[in-house]
Amino acid sequence: MKLEESRKLIDEIDSEIVTLLRRRAALARHIGQVKLQAGLPIADREREKGVIRRALHENGDALSDRAVIAIYREILSESRRIQDAVASELAASGELCK
């Protein structure tokens, strides 16, 4: 396979990754709403540890453990940021007080 063909495939994979991250962000937003309505905290460190453990297990040895942990910490941080934004939006609209 030539360099340009490989780069084209990488570009396609990158587009898929962004699509999946967008889907994950939408679900994080929904989960934030559910957590707030149930009176649950945004951060769930045990759940986050489980997400990272599962990612490490599924990775095998394709990426270093350090890379997988760093990537997922960033993804989880962004999910918390999204959920915090949901809390702020609901508080500003008065819906959080219900």
PDB file of N, CA and C in Angstrom:
ATOM      1  N   MET A   1       0.853  -1.176   0.000  1.00  0.00           N
ATOM      2  CA  MET A   1       0.000   0.000   0.000  1.00  0.00           C
ATOM      3  C   MET A   1       0.901   1.241   0.000  1.00  0.00           C
ATOM      4  N   LYS A   2       0.536   2.205  -0.808  1.00  0.00           N
ATOM      5  CA  LYS A   2       1.328   3.428  -0.928  1.00  0.00           C
ATOM      6  C   LYS A   2       1.022   4.383   0.222  1.00  0.00           C
ATOM      7  N   LEU A   3       1.917   5.342   0.407  1.00  0.00           N
ATOM      8  CA  LEU A   3       1.793   6.310   1.483  1.00  0.00           C
ATOM      9  C   LEU A   3       0.469   7.060   1.412  1.00  0.00           C
ATOM     10  N   GLU A   4       0.114   7.564   0.264  1.00  0.00           N
ATOM     11  CA  GLU A   4      -1.128   8.331   0.124  1.00  0.00           C
ATOM     12  C   GLU A   4      -2.360   7.485   0.411  1.00  0.00           C
ATOM     13  N   GLU A   5      -2.332   6.222  -0.001  1.00  0.00           N
ATOM     14  CA  GLU A   5      -3.456   5.330   0.303  1.00  0.00           C
ATOM     15  C   GLU A   5      -3.575   5.119   1.813  1.00  0.00           C
ATOM     16  N   SER A   6      -2.435   4.925   2.457  1.00  0.00           N
ATOM     17  CA  SER A   6      -2.428   4.738   3.912  1.00  0.00           C
ATOM     18  C   SER A   6      -2.943   5.989   4.613  1.00  0.00           C
ATOM     19  N   ARG A   7      -2.516   7.149   4.149  1.00  0.00           N
ATOM     20  CA  ARG A   7      -2.980   8.402   4.754  1.00  0.00           C
ATOM     21  C   ARG A   7      -4.475   8.596   4.557  1.00  0.00           C
ATOM     22  N   LYS A   8      -4.972   8.193   3.404  1.00  0.00           N
ATOM     23  CA  LYS A   8      -6.413   8.298   3.153  1.00  0.00           C
ATOM     24  C   LYS A   8      -7.183   7.413   4.137  1.00  0.00           C
ATOM     25  N   LEU A   9      -6.669   6.211   4.368  1.00  0.00           N
ATOM     26  CA  LEU A   9      -7.309   5.311   5.333  1.00  0.00           C
ATOM     27  C   LEU A   9      -7.265   5.899   6.744  1.00  0.00           C
ATOM     28  N   ILE A  10      -6.137   6.502   7.101  1.00  0.00           N
ATOM     29  CA  ILE A  10      -6.026   7.158   8.419  1.00  0.00           C
ATOM     30  C   ILE A  10      -7.056   8.276   8.524  1.00  0.00           C
ATOM     31  N   ASP A  11      -7.201   9.075   7.461  1.00  0.00           N
ATOM     32  CA  ASP A  11      -8.196  10.157   7.467  1.00  0.00           C
ATOM     33  C   ASP A  11      -9.604   9.608   7.670  1.00  0.00           C
ATOM     34  N   GLU A  12      -9.914   8.502   7.035  1.00  0.00           N
ATOM     35  CA  GLU A  12     -11.231   7.886   7.193  1.00  0.00           C
ATOM     36  C   GLU A  12     -11.434   7.396   8.627  1.00  0.00           C
ATOM     37  N   ILE A  13     -10.403   6.787   9.196  1.00  0.00           N
ATOM     38  CA  ILE A  13     -10.490   6.319  10.581  1.00  0.00           C
ATOM     39  C   ILE A  13     -10.657   7.506  11.523  1.00  0.00           C
ATOM     40  N   ASP A  14      -9.906   8.586  11.273  1.00  0.00           N
ATOM     41  CA  ASP A  14     -10.044   9.783  12.105  1.00  0.00           C
ATOM     42  C   ASP A  14     -11.465  10.328  12.060  1.00  0.00           C
ATOM     43  N   SER A  15     -12.081  10.294  10.894  1.00  0.00           N
ATOM     44  CA  SER A  15     -13.475  10.744  10.782  1.00  0.00           C
ATOM     45  C   SER A  15     -14.396   9.849  11.603  1.00  0.00           C
ATOM     46  N   GLU A  16     -14.151   8.551  11.579  1.00  0.00           N
ATOM     47  CA  GLU A  16     -14.947   7.620  12.381  1.00  0.00           C
ATOM     48  C   GLU A  16     -14.753   7.885  13.866  1.00  0.00           C
ATOM     49  N   ILE A  17     -13.515   8.148  14.269  1.00  0.00           N
ATOM     50  CA  ILE A  17     -13.229   8.429  15.677  1.00  0.00           C
ATOM     51  C   ILE A  17     -14.003   9.667  16.125  1.00  0.00           C
ATOM     52  N   VAL A  18     -13.978  10.718  15.318  1.00  0.00           N
ATOM     53  CA  VAL A  18     -14.694  11.949  15.680  1.00  0.00           C
ATOM     54  C   VAL A  18     -16.198  11.691  15.753  1.00  0.00           C
ATOM     55  N   THR A  19     -16.717  10.913  14.826  1.00  0.00           N
ATOM     56  CA  THR A  19     -18.139  10.565  14.853  1.00  0.00           C
ATOM     57  C   THR A  19     -18.476   9.824  16.147  1.00  0.00           C
ATOM     58  N   LEU A  20     -17.639   8.884  16.537  1.00  0.00           N
ATOM     59  CA  LEU A  20     -17.867   8.141  17.780  1.00  0.00           C
ATOM     60  C   LEU A  20     -17.750   9.045  19.000  1.00  0.00           C
ATOM     61  N   LEU A  21     -16.803   9.971  18.984  1.00  0.00           N
ATOM     62  CA  LEU A  21     -16.672  10.907  20.099  1.00  0.00           C
ATOM     63  C   LEU A  21     -17.888  11.824  20.198  1.00  0.00           C
ATOM     64  N   ARG A  22     -18.428  12.230  19.064  1.00  0.00           N
ATOM     65  CA  ARG A  22     -19.646  13.045  19.074  1.00  0.00           C
ATOM     66  C   ARG A  22     -20.807  12.259  19.661  1.00  0.00           C
ATOM     67  N   ARG A  23     -20.931  10.983  19.296  1.00  0.00           N
ATOM     68  CA  ARG A  23     -21.993  10.137  19.850  1.00  0.00           C
ATOM     69  C   ARG A  23     -21.810   9.981  21.350  1.00  0.00           C
ATOM     70  N   ARG A  24     -20.559   9.790  21.767  1.00  0.00           N
ATOM     71  CA  ARG A  24     -20.266   9.631  23.194  1.00  0.00           C
ATOM     72  C   ARG A  24     -20.609  10.915  23.946  1.00  0.00           C
ATOM     73  N   ALA A  25     -20.298  12.057  23.358  1.00  0.00           N
ATOM     74  CA  ALA A  25     -20.598  13.343  23.993  1.00  0.00           C
ATOM     75  C   ALA A  25     -22.107  13.522  24.160  1.00  0.00           C
ATOM     76  N   ALA A  26     -22.876  13.136  23.161  1.00  0.00           N
ATOM     77  CA  ALA A  26     -24.338  13.244  23.252  1.00  0.00           C
ATOM     78  C   ALA A  26     -24.867  12.354  24.377  1.00  0.00           C
ATOM     79  N   LEU A  27     -24.313  11.163  24.488  1.00  0.00           N
ATOM     80  CA  LEU A  27     -24.734  10.268  25.572  1.00  0.00           C
ATOM     81  C   LEU A  27     -24.298  10.802  26.935  1.00  0.00           C
ATOM     82  N   ALA A  28     -23.113  11.396  27.005  1.00  0.00           N
ATOM     83  CA  ALA A  28     -22.648  11.992  28.262  1.00  0.00           C
ATOM     84  C   ALA A  28     -23.595  13.102  28.689  1.00  0.00           C
ATOM     85  N   ARG A  29     -24.058  13.883  27.729  1.00  0.00           N
ATOM     86  CA  ARG A  29     -25.008  14.957  28.026  1.00  0.00           C
ATOM     87  C   ARG A  29     -26.300  14.369  28.598  1.00  0.00           C
ATOM     88  N   HIS A  30     -26.818  13.344  27.956  1.00  0.00           N
ATOM     89  CA  HIS A  30     -28.043  12.684  28.430  1.00  0.00           C
ATOM     90  C   HIS A  30     -27.834  12.107  29.833  1.00  0.00           C
ATOM     91  N   ILE A  31     -26.711  11.438  30.038  1.00  0.00           N
ATOM     92  CA  ILE A  31     -26.424  10.847  31.346  1.00  0.00           C
ATOM     93  C   ILE A  31     -26.324  11.940  32.402  1.00  0.00           C
ATOM     94  N   GLY A  32     -25.755  13.081  32.044  1.00  0.00           N
ATOM     95  CA  GLY A  32     -25.693  14.206  32.978  1.00  0.00           C
ATOM     96  C   GLY A  32     -27.072  14.634  33.421  1.00  0.00           C
ATOM     97  N   GLN A  33     -28.010  14.695  32.484  1.00  0.00           N
ATOM     98  CA  GLN A  33     -29.386  15.062  32.825  1.00  0.00           C
ATOM     99  C   GLN A  33     -30.002  14.028  33.764  1.00  0.00           C
ATOM    100  N   VAL A  34     -29.786  12.757  33.462  1.00  0.00           N
ATOM    101  CA  VAL A  34     -30.336  11.679  34.290  1.00  0.00           C
ATOM    102  C   VAL A  34     -29.743  11.731  35.695  1.00  0.00           C
ATOM    103  N   LYS A  35     -28.427  11.909  35.777  1.00  0.00           N
ATOM    104  CA  LYS A  35     -27.771  11.986  37.092  1.00  0.00           C
ATOM    105  C   LYS A  35     -28.335  13.144  37.920  1.00  0.00           C
ATOM    106  N   LEU A  36     -28.471  14.296  37.282  1.00  0.00           N
ATOM    107  CA  LEU A  36     -28.960  15.466  38.007  1.00  0.00           C
ATOM    108  C   LEU A  36     -30.390  15.271  38.483  1.00  0.00           C
ATOM    109  N   GLN A  37     -31.225  14.706  37.627  1.00  0.00           N
ATOM    110  CA  GLN A  37     -32.612  14.461  38.018  1.00  0.00           C
ATOM    111  C   GLN A  37     -32.712  13.450  39.156  1.00  0.00           C
ATOM    112  N   ALA A  38     -31.738  12.532  39.212  1.00  0.00           N
ATOM    113  CA  ALA A  38     -31.733  11.518  40.263  1.00  0.00           C
ATOM    114  C   ALA A  38     -30.964  11.974  41.502  1.00  0.00           C
ATOM    115  N   GLY A  39     -30.383  13.170  41.427  1.00  0.00           N
ATOM    116  CA  GLY A  39     -29.620  13.674  42.564  1.00  0.00           C
ATOM    117  C   GLY A  39     -28.263  13.019  42.733  1.00  0.00           C
ATOM    118  N   LEU A  40     -27.734  12.467  41.661  1.00  0.00           N
ATOM    119  CA  LEU A  40     -26.438  11.793  41.712  1.00  0.00           C
ATOM    120  C   LEU A  40     -25.320  12.768  41.354  1.00  0.00           C
ATOM    121  N   PRO A  41     -24.116  12.524  41.863  1.00  0.00           N
ATOM    122  CA  PRO A  41     -22.998  13.398  41.508  1.00  0.00           C
ATOM    123  C   PRO A  41     -22.558  13.176  40.061  1.00  0.00           C
ATOM    124  N   ILE A  42     -21.980  14.219  39.468  1.00  0.00           N
ATOM    125  CA  ILE A  42     -21.481  14.113  38.090  1.00  0.00           C
ATOM    126  C   ILE A  42     -20.341  13.105  38.025  1.00  0.00           C
ATOM    127  N   ALA A  43     -19.361  13.272  38.898  1.00  0.00           N
ATOM    128  CA  ALA A  43     -18.186  12.400  38.864  1.00  0.00           C
ATOM    129  C   ALA A  43     -18.486  11.072  39.546  1.00  0.00           C
ATOM    130  N   ASP A  44     -18.115   9.995  38.880  1.00  0.00           N
ATOM    131  CA  ASP A  44     -18.231   8.649  39.440  1.00  0.00           C
ATOM    132  C   ASP A  44     -16.884   7.976  39.192  1.00  0.00           C
ATOM    133  N   ARG A  45     -15.977   8.158  40.134  1.00  0.00           N
ATOM    134  CA  ARG A  45     -14.588   7.700  39.956  1.00  0.00           C
ATOM    135  C   ARG A  45     -14.497   6.193  39.776  1.00  0.00           C
ATOM    136  N   GLU A  46     -15.348   5.437  40.439  1.00  0.00           N
ATOM    137  CA  GLU A  46     -15.312   3.974  40.268  1.00  0.00           C
ATOM    138  C   GLU A  46     -15.703   3.594  38.847  1.00  0.00           C
ATOM    139  N   ARG A  47     -16.725   4.232  38.325  1.00  0.00           N
ATOM    140  CA  ARG A  47     -17.132   3.986  36.931  1.00  0.00           C
ATOM    141  C   ARG A  47     -15.993   4.339  35.987  1.00  0.00           C
ATOM    142  N   GLU A  48     -15.336   5.479  36.233  1.00  0.00           N
ATOM    143  CA  GLU A  48     -14.230   5.908  35.376  1.00  0.00           C
ATOM    144  C   GLU A  48     -13.082   4.904  35.417  1.00  0.00           C
ATOM    145  N   LYS A  49     -12.774   4.393  36.600  1.00  0.00           N
ATOM    146  CA  LYS A  49     -11.721   3.374  36.711  1.00  0.00           C
ATOM    147  C   LYS A  49     -12.094   2.135  35.902  1.00  0.00           C
ATOM    148  N   GLY A  50     -13.374   1.752  35.965  1.00  0.00           N
ATOM    149  CA  GLY A  50     -13.836   0.596  35.201  1.00  0.00           C
ATOM    150  C   GLY A  50     -13.739   0.823  33.701  1.00  0.00           C
ATOM    151  N   VAL A  51     -14.057   2.036  33.249  1.00  0.00           N
ATOM    152  CA  VAL A  51     -13.956   2.368  31.824  1.00  0.00           C
ATOM    153  C   VAL A  51     -12.503   2.226  31.372  1.00  0.00           C
ATOM    154  N   ILE A  52     -11.580   2.739  32.164  1.00  0.00           N
ATOM    155  CA  ILE A  52     -10.158   2.654  31.811  1.00  0.00           C
ATOM    156  C   ILE A  52      -9.682   1.206  31.839  1.00  0.00           C
ATOM    157  N   ARG A  53     -10.083   0.447  32.856  1.00  0.00           N
ATOM    158  CA  ARG A  53      -9.698  -0.973  32.916  1.00  0.00           C
ATOM    159  C   ARG A  53     -10.181  -1.722  31.681  1.00  0.00           C
ATOM    160  N   ARG A  54     -11.430  -1.469  31.287  1.00  0.00           N
ATOM    161  CA  ARG A  54     -11.981  -2.151  30.108  1.00  0.00           C
ATOM    162  C   ARG A  54     -11.225  -1.763  28.844  1.00  0.00           C
ATOM    163  N   ALA A  55     -10.905  -0.466  28.718  1.00  0.00           N
ATOM    164  CA  ALA A  55     -10.150  -0.010  27.542  1.00  0.00           C
ATOM    165  C   ALA A  55      -8.772  -0.655  27.503  1.00  0.00           C
ATOM    166  N   LEU A  56      -8.119  -0.758  28.644  1.00  0.00           N
ATOM    167  CA  LEU A  56      -6.804  -1.405  28.691  1.00  0.00           C
ATOM    168  C   LEU A  56      -6.911  -2.866  28.277  1.00  0.00           C
ATOM    169  N   HIS A  57      -7.939  -3.536  28.762  1.00  0.00           N
ATOM    170  CA  HIS A  57      -8.140  -4.947  28.422  1.00  0.00           C
ATOM    171  C   HIS A  57      -8.403  -5.115  26.919  1.00  0.00           C
ATOM    172  N   GLU A  58      -9.260  -4.262  26.369  1.00  0.00           N
ATOM    173  CA  GLU A  58      -9.607  -4.374  24.951  1.00  0.00           C
ATOM    174  C   GLU A  58      -8.461  -3.963  24.039  1.00  0.00           C
ATOM    175  N   ASN A  59      -7.575  -3.113  24.534  1.00  0.00           N
ATOM    176  CA  ASN A  59      -6.440  -2.651  23.740  1.00  0.00           C
ATOM    177  C   ASN A  59      -5.460  -3.772  23.421  1.00  0.00           C
ATOM    178  N   GLY A  60      -5.314  -4.729  24.309  1.00  0.00           N
ATOM    179  CA  GLY A  60      -4.259  -5.724  24.111  1.00  0.00           C
ATOM    180  C   GLY A  60      -2.920  -5.020  24.225  1.00  0.00           C
ATOM    181  N   ASP A  61      -2.132  -5.097  23.157  1.00  0.00           N
ATOM    182  CA  ASP A  61      -0.847  -4.404  23.178  1.00  0.00           C
ATOM    183  C   ASP A  61      -0.677  -3.476  21.975  1.00  0.00           C
ATOM    184  N   ALA A  62      -1.792  -3.053  21.388  1.00  0.00           N
ATOM    185  CA  ALA A  62      -1.723  -2.177  20.212  1.00  0.00           C
ATOM    186  C   ALA A  62      -1.129  -0.817  20.571  1.00  0.00           C
ATOM    187  N   LEU A  63      -1.549  -0.278  21.716  1.00  0.00           N
ATOM    188  CA  LEU A  63      -1.038   0.998  22.223  1.00  0.00           C
ATOM    189  C   LEU A  63      -0.430   0.737  23.593  1.00  0.00           C
ATOM    190  N   SER A  64       0.425   1.636  24.032  1.00  0.00           N
ATOM    191  CA  SER A  64       0.962   1.482  25.385  1.00  0.00           C
ATOM    192  C   SER A  64      -0.155   1.737  26.390  1.00  0.00           C
ATOM    193  N   ASP A  65      -0.049   1.107  27.551  1.00  0.00           N
ATOM    194  CA  ASP A  65      -1.024   1.349  28.614  1.00  0.00           C
ATOM    195  C   ASP A  65      -1.079   2.836  28.938  1.00  0.00           C
ATOM    196  N   ARG A  66       0.081   3.466  28.978  1.00  0.00           N
ATOM    197  CA  ARG A  66       0.143   4.895  29.287  1.00  0.00           C
ATOM    198  C   ARG A  66      -0.674   5.717  28.295  1.00  0.00           C
ATOM    199  N   ALA A  67      -0.588   5.365  27.018  1.00  0.00           N
ATOM    200  CA  ALA A  67      -1.348   6.090  25.994  1.00  0.00           C
ATOM    201  C   ALA A  67      -2.847   5.889  26.176  1.00  0.00           C
ATOM    202  N   VAL A  68      -3.262   4.655  26.411  1.00  0.00           N
ATOM    203  CA  VAL A  68      -4.688   4.361  26.597  1.00  0.00           C
ATOM    204  C   VAL A  68      -5.223   5.116  27.809  1.00  0.00           C
ATOM    205  N   ILE A  69      -4.473   5.104  28.894  1.00  0.00           N
ATOM    206  CA  ILE A  69      -4.901   5.803  30.102  1.00  0.00           C
ATOM    207  C   ILE A  69      -5.012   7.302  29.831  1.00  0.00           C
ATOM    208  N   ALA A  70      -4.036   7.868  29.160  1.00  0.00           N
ATOM    209  CA  ALA A  70      -4.069   9.312  28.869  1.00  0.00           C
ATOM    210  C   ALA A  70      -5.248   9.671  27.971  1.00  0.00           C
ATOM    211  N   ILE A  71      -5.490   8.872  26.952  1.00  0.00           N
ATOM    212  CA  ILE A  71      -6.598   9.130  26.024  1.00  0.00           C
ATOM    213  C   ILE A  71      -7.925   9.062  26.781  1.00  0.00           C
ATOM    214  N   TYR A  72      -8.111   8.024  27.576  1.00  0.00           N
ATOM    215  CA  TYR A  72      -9.383   7.869  28.276  1.00  0.00           C
ATOM    216  C   TYR A  72      -9.558   8.864  29.408  1.00  0.00           C
ATOM    217  N   ARG A  73      -8.489   9.262  30.047  1.00  0.00           N
ATOM    218  CA  ARG A  73      -8.624  10.322  31.055  1.00  0.00           C
ATOM    219  C   ARG A  73      -9.124  11.602  30.406  1.00  0.00           C
ATOM    220  N   GLU A  74      -8.635  11.893  29.219  1.00  0.00           N
ATOM    221  CA  GLU A  74      -9.082  13.096  28.512  1.00  0.00           C
ATOM    222  C   GLU A  74     -10.548  12.962  28.079  1.00  0.00           C
ATOM    223  N   ILE A  75     -10.918  11.807  27.571  1.00  0.00           N
ATOM    224  CA  ILE A  75     -12.309  11.570  27.172  1.00  0.00           C
ATOM    225  C   ILE A  75     -13.234  11.704  28.388  1.00  0.00           C
ATOM    226  N   LEU A  76     -12.839  11.109  29.499  1.00  0.00           N
ATOM    227  CA  LEU A  76     -13.661  11.171  30.706  1.00  0.00           C
ATOM    228  C   LEU A  76     -13.727  12.583  31.263  1.00  0.00           C
ATOM    229  N   SER A  77     -12.632  13.310  31.177  1.00  0.00           N
ATOM    230  CA  SER A  77     -12.618  14.708  31.614  1.00  0.00           C
ATOM    231  C   SER A  77     -13.594  15.540  30.785  1.00  0.00           C
ATOM    232  N   GLU A  78     -13.607  15.306  29.485  1.00  0.00           N
ATOM    233  CA  GLU A  78     -14.530  16.036  28.608  1.00  0.00           C
ATOM    234  C   GLU A  78     -15.978  15.640  28.912  1.00  0.00           C
ATOM    235  N   SER A  79     -16.218  14.386  29.231  1.00  0.00           N
ATOM    236  CA  SER A  79     -17.572  13.958  29.593  1.00  0.00           C
ATOM    237  C   SER A  79     -18.041  14.666  30.860  1.00  0.00           C
ATOM    238  N   ARG A  80     -17.141  14.788  31.854  1.00  0.00           N
ATOM    239  CA  ARG A  80     -17.507  15.524  33.070  1.00  0.00           C
ATOM    240  C   ARG A  80     -17.765  16.997  32.753  1.00  0.00           C
ATOM    241  N   ARG A  81     -16.955  17.575  31.871  1.00  0.00           N
ATOM    242  CA  ARG A  81     -17.160  18.980  31.492  1.00  0.00           C
ATOM    243  C   ARG A  81     -18.526  19.161  30.852  1.00  0.00           C
ATOM    244  N   ILE A  82     -18.901  18.246  29.978  1.00  0.00           N
ATOM    245  CA  ILE A  82     -20.218  18.297  29.327  1.00  0.00           C
ATOM    246  C   ILE A  82     -21.325  18.189  30.372  1.00  0.00           C
ATOM    247  N   GLN A  83     -21.170  17.267  31.314  1.00  0.00           N
ATOM    248  CA  GLN A  83     -22.190  17.084  32.342  1.00  0.00           C
ATOM    249  C   GLN A  83     -22.259  18.287  33.274  1.00  0.00           C
ATOM    250  N   ASP A  84     -21.118  18.892  33.567  1.00  0.00           N
ATOM    251  CA  ASP A  84     -21.125  20.127  34.363  1.00  0.00           C
ATOM    252  C   ASP A  84     -21.859  21.243  33.621  1.00  0.00           C
ATOM    253  N   ALA A  85     -21.674  21.302  32.309  1.00  0.00           N
ATOM    254  CA  ALA A  85     -22.368  22.307  31.504  1.00  0.00           C
ATOM    255  C   ALA A  85     -23.875  22.074  31.549  1.00  0.00           C
ATOM    256  N   VAL A  86     -24.288  20.825  31.516  1.00  0.00           N
ATOM    257  CA  VAL A  86     -25.714  20.491  31.633  1.00  0.00           C
ATOM    258  C   VAL A  86     -26.239  20.987  32.970  1.00  0.00           C
ATOM    259  N   ALA A  87     -25.480  20.757  34.039  1.00  0.00           N
ATOM    260  CA  ALA A  87     -25.901  21.212  35.369  1.00  0.00           C
ATOM    261  C   ALA A  87     -26.041  22.727  35.398  1.00  0.00           C
ATOM    262  N   SER A  88     -25.100  23.426  34.788  1.00  0.00           N
ATOM    263  CA  SER A  88     -25.163  24.893  34.743  1.00  0.00           C
ATOM    264  C   SER A  88     -26.373  25.365  33.950  1.00  0.00           C
ATOM    265  N   GLU A  89     -26.635  24.714  32.820  1.00  0.00           N
ATOM    266  CA  GLU A  89     -27.788  25.080  31.991  1.00  0.00           C
ATOM    267  C   GLU A  89     -29.091  24.859  32.752  1.00  0.00           C
ATOM    268  N   LEU A  90     -29.200  23.734  33.440  1.00  0.00           N
ATOM    269  CA  LEU A  90     -30.422  23.439  34.182  1.00  0.00           C
ATOM    270  C   LEU A  90     -30.589  24.379  35.367  1.00  0.00           C
ATOM    271  N   ALA A  91     -29.479  24.697  36.022  1.00  0.00           N
ATOM    272  CA  ALA A  91     -29.546  25.645  37.146  1.00  0.00           C
ATOM    273  C   ALA A  91     -29.964  27.030  36.658  1.00  0.00           C
ATOM    274  N   ALA A  92     -29.423  27.463  35.520  1.00  0.00           N
ATOM    275  CA  ALA A  92     -29.750  28.773  34.983  1.00  0.00           C
ATOM    276  C   ALA A  92     -31.221  28.861  34.564  1.00  0.00           C
ATOM    277  N   SER A  93     -31.760  27.735  34.098  1.00  0.00           N
ATOM    278  CA  SER A  93     -33.158  27.741  33.669  1.00  0.00           C
ATOM    279  C   SER A  93     -34.113  27.488  34.830  1.00  0.00           C
ATOM    280  N   GLY A  94     -33.569  27.163  36.001  1.00  0.00           N
ATOM    281  CA  GLY A  94     -34.411  26.877  37.159  1.00  0.00           C
ATOM    282  C   GLY A  94     -34.893  25.443  37.235  1.00  0.00           C
ATOM    283  N   GLU A  95     -34.529  24.622  36.259  1.00  0.00           N
ATOM    284  CA  GLU A  95     -34.999  23.237  36.242  1.00  0.00           C
ATOM    285  C   GLU A  95     -34.290  22.367  37.268  1.00  0.00           C
ATOM    286  N   LEU A  96     -33.096  22.742  37.674  1.00  0.00           N
ATOM    287  CA  LEU A  96     -32.322  21.920  38.589  1.00  0.00           C
ATOM    288  C   LEU A  96     -32.915  21.939  39.991  1.00  0.00           C
ATOM    289  N   CYS A  97     -33.628  22.969  40.313  1.00  0.00           N
ATOM    290  CA  CYS A  97     -34.191  23.121  41.666  1.00  0.00           C
ATOM    291  C   CYS A  97     -35.409  22.229  41.888  1.00  0.00           C
ATOM    292  N   LYS A  98     -35.962  21.660  40.856  1.00  0.00           N
ATOM    293  CA  LYS A  98     -37.195  20.858  40.981  1.00  0.00           C
ATOM    294  C   LYS A  98     -36.987  19.613  41.773  1.00  0.00           C
TER     295      LYS A  98
END
